[in-house]
Amino acid sequence: MMETQHETHNDEHGSTSDESWSAPATDLYESDTEFLFKTDVPGVSRENVSIDFDNGKLKLQATRTEDTHQYRRTLRLRRPINSEAISAELRDGVLEVHLPKRQESVGRTIPVQ
């Protein structure tokens, strides 16, 4: 259901190396109505957090101000998400992203009047 991706950087010589970043500790919870993505980003302020959601992929990038260390995480969700209702909150170094599931059509029997 969930896929995690890590990014690398190609330097000017074409070799691949990691920049000063890490994939933060992350928990993903699922209920009947939403996914809850929780991740530790200590030392990061709201202004230094970027969250994007496109085509079922959630991309997080956050930068600590004191040393410019970056946290990056990419998750692919294979369930339809209501992208208009996604919300995020940063509190005490923990980022929570609420990803409501998109309601799918449910089959039913239609009575004839």
C-alpha atoms as a PDB file:
ATOM      1  CA  MET A   1       0.000   0.000   0.000  1.00  0.00           C
ATOM      2  CA  MET A   2       2.872   2.388   0.694  1.00  0.00           C
ATOM      3  CA  GLU A   3       6.148   2.894  -1.116  1.00  0.00           C
ATOM      4  CA  THR A   4       9.062   4.959   0.191  1.00  0.00           C
ATOM      5  CA  GLN A   5      11.546   6.635  -2.122  1.00  0.00           C
ATOM      6  CA  HIS A   6      14.882   8.259  -1.403  1.00  0.00           C
ATOM      7  CA  GLU A   7      16.525  10.875  -3.579  1.00  0.00           C
ATOM      8  CA  THR A   8      20.145  11.226  -4.596  1.00  0.00           C
ATOM      9  CA  HIS A   9      22.102  14.045  -6.181  1.00  0.00           C
ATOM     10  CA  ASN A  10      24.323  13.856  -9.255  1.00  0.00           C
ATOM     11  CA  ASP A  11      27.364  16.084  -8.889  1.00  0.00           C
ATOM     12  CA  GLU A  12      29.066  17.928 -11.763  1.00  0.00           C
ATOM     13  CA  HIS A  13      31.233  14.883 -12.538  1.00  0.00           C
ATOM     14  CA  GLY A  14      28.213  12.617 -12.968  1.00  0.00           C
ATOM     15  CA  SER A  15      28.807  10.588  -9.823  1.00  0.00           C
ATOM     16  CA  THR A  16      25.973  10.116  -7.381  1.00  0.00           C
ATOM     17  CA  SER A  17      26.296  11.327  -3.798  1.00  0.00           C
ATOM     18  CA  ASP A  18      23.953  12.083  -0.935  1.00  0.00           C
ATOM     19  CA  GLU A  19      23.567  15.709   0.087  1.00  0.00           C
ATOM     20  CA  SER A  20      23.223  16.769   3.701  1.00  0.00           C
ATOM     21  CA  TRP A  21      19.767  15.308   4.181  1.00  0.00           C
ATOM     22  CA  SER A  22      18.067  12.404   5.830  1.00  0.00           C
ATOM     23  CA  ALA A  23      14.786  10.542   5.626  1.00  0.00           C
ATOM     24  CA  PRO A  24      13.100  11.291   8.959  1.00  0.00           C
ATOM     25  CA  ALA A  25      11.480   8.705  11.214  1.00  0.00           C
ATOM     26  CA  THR A  26       7.952   8.275   9.895  1.00  0.00           C
ATOM     27  CA  ASP A  27       4.714   6.573  10.897  1.00  0.00           C
ATOM     28  CA  LEU A  28       1.742   6.065   8.599  1.00  0.00           C
ATOM     29  CA  TYR A  29      -1.642   5.214  10.096  1.00  0.00           C
ATOM     30  CA  GLU A  30      -4.775   4.251   8.217  1.00  0.00           C
ATOM     31  CA  SER A  31      -8.375   4.572   9.347  1.00  0.00           C
ATOM     32  CA  ASP A  32     -11.601   4.078   7.412  1.00  0.00           C
ATOM     33  CA  THR A  33     -11.599   7.746   6.387  1.00  0.00           C
ATOM     34  CA  GLU A  34      -7.964   8.889   6.116  1.00  0.00           C
ATOM     35  CA  PHE A  35      -4.248   8.241   6.232  1.00  0.00           C
ATOM     36  CA  LEU A  36      -2.268  10.041   8.937  1.00  0.00           C
ATOM     37  CA  PHE A  37       1.398  10.652   8.123  1.00  0.00           C
ATOM     38  CA  LYS A  38       3.513  11.578  11.179  1.00  0.00           C
ATOM     39  CA  THR A  39       7.189  12.420  10.913  1.00  0.00           C
ATOM     40  CA  ASP A  40       9.854  13.839  13.217  1.00  0.00           C
ATOM     41  CA  VAL A  41      11.443  17.068  11.963  1.00  0.00           C
ATOM     42  CA  PRO A  42      13.181  18.555  15.025  1.00  0.00           C
ATOM     43  CA  GLY A  43      14.438  22.124  14.734  1.00  0.00           C
ATOM     44  CA  VAL A  44      12.251  22.937  11.722  1.00  0.00           C
ATOM     45  CA  SER A  45       9.872  25.909  11.570  1.00  0.00           C
ATOM     46  CA  ARG A  46       6.640  26.038   9.534  1.00  0.00           C
ATOM     47  CA  GLU A  47       8.209  28.437   7.031  1.00  0.00           C
ATOM     48  CA  ASN A  48      10.837  25.819   6.158  1.00  0.00           C
ATOM     49  CA  VAL A  49       8.434  22.975   5.351  1.00  0.00           C
ATOM     50  CA  SER A  50       7.283  22.161   1.836  1.00  0.00           C
ATOM     51  CA  ILE A  51       4.614  19.525   1.202  1.00  0.00           C
ATOM     52  CA  ASP A  52       3.400  18.585  -2.274  1.00  0.00           C
ATOM     53  CA  PHE A  53       0.844  15.997  -3.339  1.00  0.00           C
ATOM     54  CA  ASP A  54       0.470  14.931  -6.960  1.00  0.00           C
ATOM     55  CA  ASN A  55      -0.701  11.708  -8.601  1.00  0.00           C
ATOM     56  CA  GLY A  56      -0.841   9.801  -5.326  1.00  0.00           C
ATOM     57  CA  LYS A  57       2.668  10.886  -4.314  1.00  0.00           C
ATOM     58  CA  LEU A  58       3.299  12.908  -1.140  1.00  0.00           C
ATOM     59  CA  LYS A  59       6.640  14.758  -1.131  1.00  0.00           C
ATOM     60  CA  LEU A  60       7.987  16.366   2.028  1.00  0.00           C
ATOM     61  CA  GLN A  61      11.027  18.604   2.308  1.00  0.00           C
ATOM     62  CA  ALA A  62      11.965  20.431   5.517  1.00  0.00           C
ATOM     63  CA  THR A  63      15.083  22.405   6.440  1.00  0.00           C
ATOM     64  CA  ARG A  64      16.484  23.112   9.903  1.00  0.00           C
ATOM     65  CA  THR A  65      17.449  26.748  10.213  1.00  0.00           C
ATOM     66  CA  GLU A  66      20.491  26.380  12.475  1.00  0.00           C
ATOM     67  CA  ASP A  67      22.502  24.094  10.198  1.00  0.00           C
ATOM     68  CA  THR A  68      20.515  23.875   6.914  1.00  0.00           C
ATOM     69  CA  HIS A  69      20.141  20.098   7.303  1.00  0.00           C
ATOM     70  CA  GLN A  70      17.292  18.823   5.135  1.00  0.00           C
ATOM     71  CA  TYR A  71      14.729  16.131   5.773  1.00  0.00           C
ATOM     72  CA  ARG A  72      13.149  14.519   2.725  1.00  0.00           C
ATOM     73  CA  ARG A  73      10.529  11.857   2.375  1.00  0.00           C
ATOM     74  CA  THR A  74       8.413  10.684  -0.543  1.00  0.00           C
ATOM     75  CA  LEU A  75       5.472   8.332  -0.111  1.00  0.00           C
ATOM     76  CA  ARG A  76       3.279   6.832  -2.801  1.00  0.00           C
ATOM     77  CA  LEU A  77      -0.253   6.056  -1.681  1.00  0.00           C
ATOM     78  CA  ARG A  78      -2.150   3.588  -3.801  1.00  0.00           C
ATOM     79  CA  ARG A  79      -5.597   4.619  -2.613  1.00  0.00           C
ATOM     80  CA  PRO A  80      -7.531   7.615  -3.977  1.00  0.00           C
ATOM     81  CA  ILE A  81      -6.955  10.724  -1.830  1.00  0.00           C
ATOM     82  CA  ASN A  82      -9.145  13.828  -1.592  1.00  0.00           C
ATOM     83  CA  SER A  83      -6.289  16.212  -2.355  1.00  0.00           C
ATOM     84  CA  GLU A  84      -8.445  19.313  -1.729  1.00  0.00           C
ATOM     85  CA  ALA A  85      -8.908  18.284   1.916  1.00  0.00           C
ATOM     86  CA  ILE A  86      -5.272  17.469   2.835  1.00  0.00           C
ATOM     87  CA  SER A  87      -4.123  19.359   5.930  1.00  0.00           C
ATOM     88  CA  ALA A  88      -0.860  19.593   7.868  1.00  0.00           C
ATOM     89  CA  GLU A  89       0.214  20.733  11.320  1.00  0.00           C
ATOM     90  CA  LEU A  90       3.683  21.145  12.851  1.00  0.00           C
ATOM     91  CA  ARG A  91       3.892  20.968  16.636  1.00  0.00           C
ATOM     92  CA  ASP A  92       6.878  20.279  18.917  1.00  0.00           C
ATOM     93  CA  GLY A  93       9.037  18.952  16.079  1.00  0.00           C
ATOM     94  CA  VAL A  94       6.387  16.521  14.813  1.00  0.00           C
ATOM     95  CA  LEU A  95       4.696  17.080  11.464  1.00  0.00           C
ATOM     96  CA  GLU A  96       1.251  15.541  10.969  1.00  0.00           C
ATOM     97  CA  VAL A  97      -0.285  15.355   7.514  1.00  0.00           C
ATOM     98  CA  HIS A  98      -3.923  14.253   7.246  1.00  0.00           C
ATOM     99  CA  LEU A  99      -4.772  12.679   3.884  1.00  0.00           C
ATOM    100  CA  PRO A 100      -8.534  12.044   3.651  1.00  0.00           C
ATOM    101  CA  LYS A 101      -9.524   9.137   1.448  1.00  0.00           C
ATOM    102  CA  ARG A 102     -11.642   9.965  -1.548  1.00  0.00           C
ATOM    103  CA  GLN A 103     -14.999   8.311  -1.281  1.00  0.00           C
ATOM    104  CA  GLU A 104     -15.517   5.829  -4.060  1.00  0.00           C
ATOM    105  CA  SER A 105     -18.871   4.987  -5.504  1.00  0.00           C
ATOM    106  CA  VAL A 106     -20.485   2.125  -3.651  1.00  0.00           C
ATOM    107  CA  GLY A 107     -22.799  -0.236  -5.482  1.00  0.00           C
ATOM    108  CA  ARG A 108     -26.382  -0.367  -4.291  1.00  0.00           C
ATOM    109  CA  THR A 109     -29.790  -1.632  -5.297  1.00  0.00           C
ATOM    110  CA  ILE A 110     -32.176   1.048  -6.466  1.00  0.00           C
ATOM    111  CA  PRO A 111     -35.803   0.433  -5.579  1.00  0.00           C
ATOM    112  CA  VAL A 112     -38.352   1.039  -8.317  1.00  0.00           C
ATOM    113  CA  GLN A 113     -41.251   3.315  -7.242  1.00  0.00           C
END
